[in-house]
Amino acid sequence: MELAWLKLIALVLIIEGIGPFLFPNKWRNYLIQMAQMPAQQMRIIGGFLLLIGTIILWLN
């Protein structure tokens, strides 16, 4: 079971690293836009992503 968690974390790190590696300038602009976003809007987006991820995991 522990190996599965390590693989999951590795996969998340790989996916998260694709944007800054391939498109560093676009990624920087994206982060600047995120930093200027209201906290409530970020919370809604985060909740939506959590919900979608949970549904995908539940369906598999």
PDB file of N, CA and C in Angstrom:
ATOM      1  N   MET A   1       0.825  -1.203   0.000  1.00  0.00           N
ATOM      2  CA  MET A   1       0.000   0.000   0.000  1.00  0.00           C
ATOM      3  C   MET A   1       0.865   1.261   0.000  1.00  0.00           C
ATOM      4  N   GLU A   2       1.975   1.225   0.729  1.00  0.00           N
ATOM      5  CA  GLU A   2       2.840   2.404   0.781  1.00  0.00           C
ATOM      6  C   GLU A   2       3.428   2.725  -0.578  1.00  0.00           C
ATOM      7  N   LEU A   3       3.748   1.685  -1.349  1.00  0.00           N
ATOM      8  CA  LEU A   3       4.301   1.887  -2.682  1.00  0.00           C
ATOM      9  C   LEU A   3       3.293   2.591  -3.591  1.00  0.00           C
ATOM     10  N   ALA A   4       2.017   2.294  -3.428  1.00  0.00           N
ATOM     11  CA  ALA A   4       0.978   2.943  -4.227  1.00  0.00           C
ATOM     12  C   ALA A   4       0.940   4.439  -3.938  1.00  0.00           C
ATOM     13  N   TRP A   5       1.100   4.818  -2.670  1.00  0.00           N
ATOM     14  CA  TRP A   5       1.118   6.237  -2.313  1.00  0.00           C
ATOM     15  C   TRP A   5       2.325   6.934  -2.913  1.00  0.00           C
ATOM     16  N   LEU A   6       3.461   6.291  -2.902  1.00  0.00           N
ATOM     17  CA  LEU A   6       4.662   6.876  -3.502  1.00  0.00           C
ATOM     18  C   LEU A   6       4.479   7.071  -5.003  1.00  0.00           C
ATOM     19  N   LYS A   7       3.874   6.094  -5.655  1.00  0.00           N
ATOM     20  CA  LYS A   7       3.606   6.219  -7.080  1.00  0.00           C
ATOM     21  C   LYS A   7       2.629   7.359  -7.360  1.00  0.00           C
ATOM     22  N   LEU A   8       1.623   7.488  -6.515  1.00  0.00           N
ATOM     23  CA  LEU A   8       0.645   8.562  -6.667  1.00  0.00           C
ATOM     24  C   LEU A   8       1.310   9.927  -6.513  1.00  0.00           C
ATOM     25  N   ILE A   9       2.140  10.072  -5.511  1.00  0.00           N
ATOM     26  CA  ILE A   9       2.846  11.339  -5.295  1.00  0.00           C
ATOM     27  C   ILE A   9       3.781  11.629  -6.458  1.00  0.00           C
ATOM     28  N   ALA A  10       4.469  10.600  -6.949  1.00  0.00           N
ATOM     29  CA  ALA A  10       5.356  10.777  -8.096  1.00  0.00           C
ATOM     30  C   ALA A  10       4.578  11.246  -9.314  1.00  0.00           C
ATOM     31  N   LEU A  11       3.423  10.666  -9.558  1.00  0.00           N
ATOM     32  CA  LEU A  11       2.593  11.055 -10.698  1.00  0.00           C
ATOM     33  C   LEU A  11       2.127  12.507 -10.571  1.00  0.00           C
ATOM     34  N   VAL A  12       1.732  12.914  -9.389  1.00  0.00           N
ATOM     35  CA  VAL A  12       1.311  14.300  -9.169  1.00  0.00           C
ATOM     36  C   VAL A  12       2.477  15.257  -9.434  1.00  0.00           C
ATOM     37  N   LEU A  13       3.660  14.915  -8.957  1.00  0.00           N
ATOM     38  CA  LEU A  13       4.833  15.762  -9.181  1.00  0.00           C
ATOM     39  C   LEU A  13       5.174  15.863 -10.667  1.00  0.00           C
ATOM     40  N   ILE A  14       5.058  14.759 -11.387  1.00  0.00           N
ATOM     41  CA  ILE A  14       5.324  14.783 -12.824  1.00  0.00           C
ATOM     42  C   ILE A  14       4.329  15.692 -13.532  1.00  0.00           C
ATOM     43  N   ILE A  15       3.052  15.528 -13.223  1.00  0.00           N
ATOM     44  CA  ILE A  15       2.017  16.342 -13.866  1.00  0.00           C
ATOM     45  C   ILE A  15       2.192  17.820 -13.524  1.00  0.00           C
ATOM     46  N   GLU A  16       2.492  18.112 -12.261  1.00  0.00           N
ATOM     47  CA  GLU A  16       2.681  19.498 -11.844  1.00  0.00           C
ATOM     48  C   GLU A  16       3.924  20.119 -12.471  1.00  0.00           C
ATOM     49  N   GLY A  17       4.908  19.315 -12.805  1.00  0.00           N
ATOM     50  CA  GLY A  17       6.143  19.838 -13.373  1.00  0.00           C
ATOM     51  C   GLY A  17       6.095  20.090 -14.866  1.00  0.00           C
ATOM     52  N   ILE A  18       5.106  19.546 -15.547  1.00  0.00           N
ATOM     53  CA  ILE A  18       5.027  19.694 -17.002  1.00  0.00           C
ATOM     54  C   ILE A  18       4.870  21.162 -17.411  1.00  0.00           C
ATOM     55  N   GLY A  19       3.963  21.882 -16.770  1.00  0.00           N
ATOM     56  CA  GLY A  19       3.712  23.285 -17.125  1.00  0.00           C
ATOM     57  C   GLY A  19       4.941  24.169 -17.009  1.00  0.00           C
ATOM     58  N   PRO A  20       5.573  24.232 -15.834  1.00  0.00           N
ATOM     59  CA  PRO A  20       6.744  25.098 -15.706  1.00  0.00           C
ATOM     60  C   PRO A  20       7.919  24.656 -16.587  1.00  0.00           C
ATOM     61  N   PHE A  21       8.040  23.357 -16.850  1.00  0.00           N
ATOM     62  CA  PHE A  21       9.146  22.868 -17.674  1.00  0.00           C
ATOM     63  C   PHE A  21       8.964  23.246 -19.136  1.00  0.00           C
ATOM     64  N   LEU A  22       7.760  23.048 -19.665  1.00  0.00           N
ATOM     65  CA  LEU A  22       7.523  23.292 -21.084  1.00  0.00           C
ATOM     66  C   LEU A  22       7.189  24.741 -21.412  1.00  0.00           C
ATOM     67  N   PHE A  23       6.494  25.426 -20.505  1.00  0.00           N
ATOM     68  CA  PHE A  23       6.021  26.790 -20.772  1.00  0.00           C
ATOM     69  C   PHE A  23       6.302  27.708 -19.577  1.00  0.00           C
ATOM     70  N   PRO A  24       7.575  27.992 -19.282  1.00  0.00           N
ATOM     71  CA  PRO A  24       7.881  28.751 -18.064  1.00  0.00           C
ATOM     72  C   PRO A  24       7.278  30.161 -18.039  1.00  0.00           C
ATOM     73  N   ASN A  25       7.271  30.862 -19.161  1.00  0.00           N
ATOM     74  CA  ASN A  25       6.723  32.222 -19.167  1.00  0.00           C
ATOM     75  C   ASN A  25       5.205  32.219 -19.009  1.00  0.00           C
ATOM     76  N   LYS A  26       4.536  31.325 -19.700  1.00  0.00           N
ATOM     77  CA  LYS A  26       3.079  31.229 -19.561  1.00  0.00           C
ATOM     78  C   LYS A  26       2.714  30.803 -18.142  1.00  0.00           C
ATOM     79  N   TRP A  27       3.508  29.903 -17.567  1.00  0.00           N
ATOM     80  CA  TRP A  27       3.266  29.428 -16.206  1.00  0.00           C
ATOM     81  C   TRP A  27       3.401  30.574 -15.211  1.00  0.00           C
ATOM     82  N   ARG A  28       4.429  31.410 -15.388  1.00  0.00           N
ATOM     83  CA  ARG A  28       4.643  32.563 -14.506  1.00  0.00           C
ATOM     84  C   ARG A  28       3.451  33.513 -14.588  1.00  0.00           C
ATOM     85  N   ASN A  29       2.982  33.795 -15.805  1.00  0.00           N
ATOM     86  CA  ASN A  29       1.825  34.683 -15.971  1.00  0.00           C
ATOM     87  C   ASN A  29       0.575  34.092 -15.319  1.00  0.00           C
ATOM     88  N   TYR A  30       0.420  32.787 -15.439  1.00  0.00           N
ATOM     89  CA  TYR A  30      -0.706  32.096 -14.808  1.00  0.00           C
ATOM     90  C   TYR A  30      -0.663  32.255 -13.286  1.00  0.00           C
ATOM     91  N   LEU A  31       0.531  32.085 -12.709  1.00  0.00           N
ATOM     92  CA  LEU A  31       0.661  32.232 -11.257  1.00  0.00           C
ATOM     93  C   LEU A  31       0.405  33.666 -10.801  1.00  0.00           C
ATOM     94  N   ILE A  32       0.810  34.624 -11.593  1.00  0.00           N
ATOM     95  CA  ILE A  32       0.537  36.027 -11.260  1.00  0.00           C
ATOM     96  C   ILE A  32      -0.972  36.277 -11.259  1.00  0.00           C
ATOM     97  N   GLN A  33      -1.667  35.738 -12.248  1.00  0.00           N
ATOM     98  CA  GLN A  33      -3.125  35.876 -12.296  1.00  0.00           C
ATOM     99  C   GLN A  33      -3.775  35.194 -11.095  1.00  0.00           C
ATOM    100  N   MET A  34      -3.269  34.019 -10.731  1.00  0.00           N
ATOM    101  CA  MET A  34      -3.813  33.311  -9.565  1.00  0.00           C
ATOM    102  C   MET A  34      -3.618  34.119  -8.287  1.00  0.00           C
ATOM    103  N   ALA A  35      -2.460  34.765  -8.153  1.00  0.00           N
ATOM    104  CA  ALA A  35      -2.168  35.536  -6.947  1.00  0.00           C
ATOM    105  C   ALA A  35      -3.106  36.737  -6.811  1.00  0.00           C
ATOM    106  N   GLN A  36      -3.609  37.241  -7.925  1.00  0.00           N
ATOM    107  CA  GLN A  36      -4.502  38.399  -7.897  1.00  0.00           C
ATOM    108  C   GLN A  36      -5.973  38.000  -7.768  1.00  0.00           C
ATOM    109  N   MET A  37      -6.255  36.723  -7.805  1.00  0.00           N
ATOM    110  CA  MET A  37      -7.624  36.228  -7.726  1.00  0.00           C
ATOM    111  C   MET A  37      -8.142  36.327  -6.282  1.00  0.00           C
ATOM    112  N   PRO A  38      -9.396  36.692  -6.086  1.00  0.00           N
ATOM    113  CA  PRO A  38      -9.961  36.724  -4.737  1.00  0.00           C
ATOM    114  C   PRO A  38      -9.946  35.336  -4.096  1.00  0.00           C
ATOM    115  N   ALA A  39      -9.773  35.299  -2.795  1.00  0.00           N
ATOM    116  CA  ALA A  39      -9.685  34.031  -2.063  1.00  0.00           C
ATOM    117  C   ALA A  39     -10.937  33.186  -2.261  1.00  0.00           C
ATOM    118  N   GLN A  40     -12.100  33.800  -2.277  1.00  0.00           N
ATOM    119  CA  GLN A  40     -13.349  33.039  -2.452  1.00  0.00           C
ATOM    120  C   GLN A  40     -13.385  32.337  -3.802  1.00  0.00           C
ATOM    121  N   GLN A  41     -12.919  33.011  -4.843  1.00  0.00           N
ATOM    122  CA  GLN A  41     -12.908  32.396  -6.172  1.00  0.00           C
ATOM    123  C   GLN A  41     -11.928  31.220  -6.211  1.00  0.00           C
ATOM    124  N   MET A  42     -10.774  31.370  -5.567  1.00  0.00           N
ATOM    125  CA  MET A  42      -9.801  30.277  -5.497  1.00  0.00           C
ATOM    126  C   MET A  42     -10.381  29.095  -4.728  1.00  0.00           C
ATOM    127  N   ARG A  43     -11.130  29.374  -3.671  1.00  0.00           N
ATOM    128  CA  ARG A  43     -11.750  28.324  -2.870  1.00  0.00           C
ATOM    129  C   ARG A  43     -12.774  27.549  -3.702  1.00  0.00           C
ATOM    130  N   ILE A  44     -13.542  28.246  -4.510  1.00  0.00           N
ATOM    131  CA  ILE A  44     -14.540  27.598  -5.367  1.00  0.00           C
ATOM    132  C   ILE A  44     -13.851  26.709  -6.394  1.00  0.00           C
ATOM    133  N   ILE A  45     -12.797  27.210  -7.021  1.00  0.00           N
ATOM    134  CA  ILE A  45     -12.056  26.420  -8.006  1.00  0.00           C
ATOM    135  C   ILE A  45     -11.445  25.195  -7.338  1.00  0.00           C
ATOM    136  N   GLY A  46     -10.827  25.367  -6.169  1.00  0.00           N
ATOM    137  CA  GLY A  46     -10.237  24.245  -5.439  1.00  0.00           C
ATOM    138  C   GLY A  46     -11.273  23.209  -5.057  1.00  0.00           C
ATOM    139  N   GLY A  47     -12.436  23.653  -4.607  1.00  0.00           N
ATOM    140  CA  GLY A  47     -13.508  22.729  -4.253  1.00  0.00           C
ATOM    141  C   GLY A  47     -14.006  21.954  -5.458  1.00  0.00           C
ATOM    142  N   PHE A  48     -14.114  22.636  -6.585  1.00  0.00           N
ATOM    143  CA  PHE A  48     -14.545  21.979  -7.810  1.00  0.00           C
ATOM    144  C   PHE A  48     -13.539  20.906  -8.227  1.00  0.00           C
ATOM    145  N   LEU A  49     -12.245  21.227  -8.165  1.00  0.00           N
ATOM    146  CA  LEU A  49     -11.212  20.255  -8.515  1.00  0.00           C
ATOM    147  C   LEU A  49     -11.226  19.059  -7.565  1.00  0.00           C
ATOM    148  N   LEU A  50     -11.425  19.320  -6.282  1.00  0.00           N
ATOM    149  CA  LEU A  50     -11.526  18.226  -5.314  1.00  0.00           C
ATOM    150  C   LEU A  50     -12.722  17.327  -5.625  1.00  0.00           C
ATOM    151  N   LEU A  51     -13.838  17.932  -5.956  1.00  0.00           N
ATOM    152  CA  LEU A  51     -15.043  17.168  -6.276  1.00  0.00           C
ATOM    153  C   LEU A  51     -14.840  16.308  -7.517  1.00  0.00           C
ATOM    154  N   ILE A  52     -14.284  16.879  -8.564  1.00  0.00           N
ATOM    155  CA  ILE A  52     -14.047  16.123  -9.793  1.00  0.00           C
ATOM    156  C   ILE A  52     -13.084  14.976  -9.538  1.00  0.00           C
ATOM    157  N   GLY A  53     -11.991  15.241  -8.814  1.00  0.00           N
ATOM    158  CA  GLY A  53     -11.036  14.175  -8.493  1.00  0.00           C
ATOM    159  C   GLY A  53     -11.656  13.072  -7.677  1.00  0.00           C
ATOM    160  N   THR A  54     -12.490  13.423  -6.710  1.00  0.00           N
ATOM    161  CA  THR A  54     -13.160  12.426  -5.884  1.00  0.00           C
ATOM    162  C   THR A  54     -14.106  11.574  -6.707  1.00  0.00           C
ATOM    163  N   ILE A  55     -14.839  12.205  -7.620  1.00  0.00           N
ATOM    164  CA  ILE A  55     -15.765  11.458  -8.480  1.00  0.00           C
ATOM    165  C   ILE A  55     -14.996  10.492  -9.376  1.00  0.00           C
ATOM    166  N   ILE A  56     -13.880  10.964  -9.960  1.00  0.00           N
ATOM    167  CA  ILE A  56     -13.085  10.086 -10.820  1.00  0.00           C
ATOM    168  C   ILE A  56     -12.565   8.891 -10.030  1.00  0.00           C
ATOM    169  N   LEU A  57     -12.055   9.116  -8.838  1.00  0.00           N
ATOM    170  CA  LEU A  57     -11.568   8.012  -8.015  1.00  0.00           C
ATOM    171  C   LEU A  57     -12.694   7.053  -7.633  1.00  0.00           C
ATOM    172  N   TRP A  58     -13.847   7.604  -7.320  1.00  0.00           N
ATOM    173  CA  TRP A  58     -14.990   6.789  -6.899  1.00  0.00           C
ATOM    174  C   TRP A  58     -15.488   5.905  -8.040  1.00  0.00           C
ATOM    175  N   LEU A  59     -15.447   6.433  -9.277  1.00  0.00           N
ATOM    176  CA  LEU A  59     -15.931   5.681 -10.429  1.00  0.00           C
ATOM    177  C   LEU A  59     -14.989   4.561 -10.828  1.00  0.00           C
ATOM    178  N   ASN A  60     -13.732   4.675 -10.425  1.00  0.00           N
ATOM    179  CA  ASN A  60     -12.770   3.625 -10.823  1.00  0.00           C
ATOM    180  C   ASN A  60     -12.627   2.682  -9.720  1.00  0.00           C
TER     181      ASN A  60
END
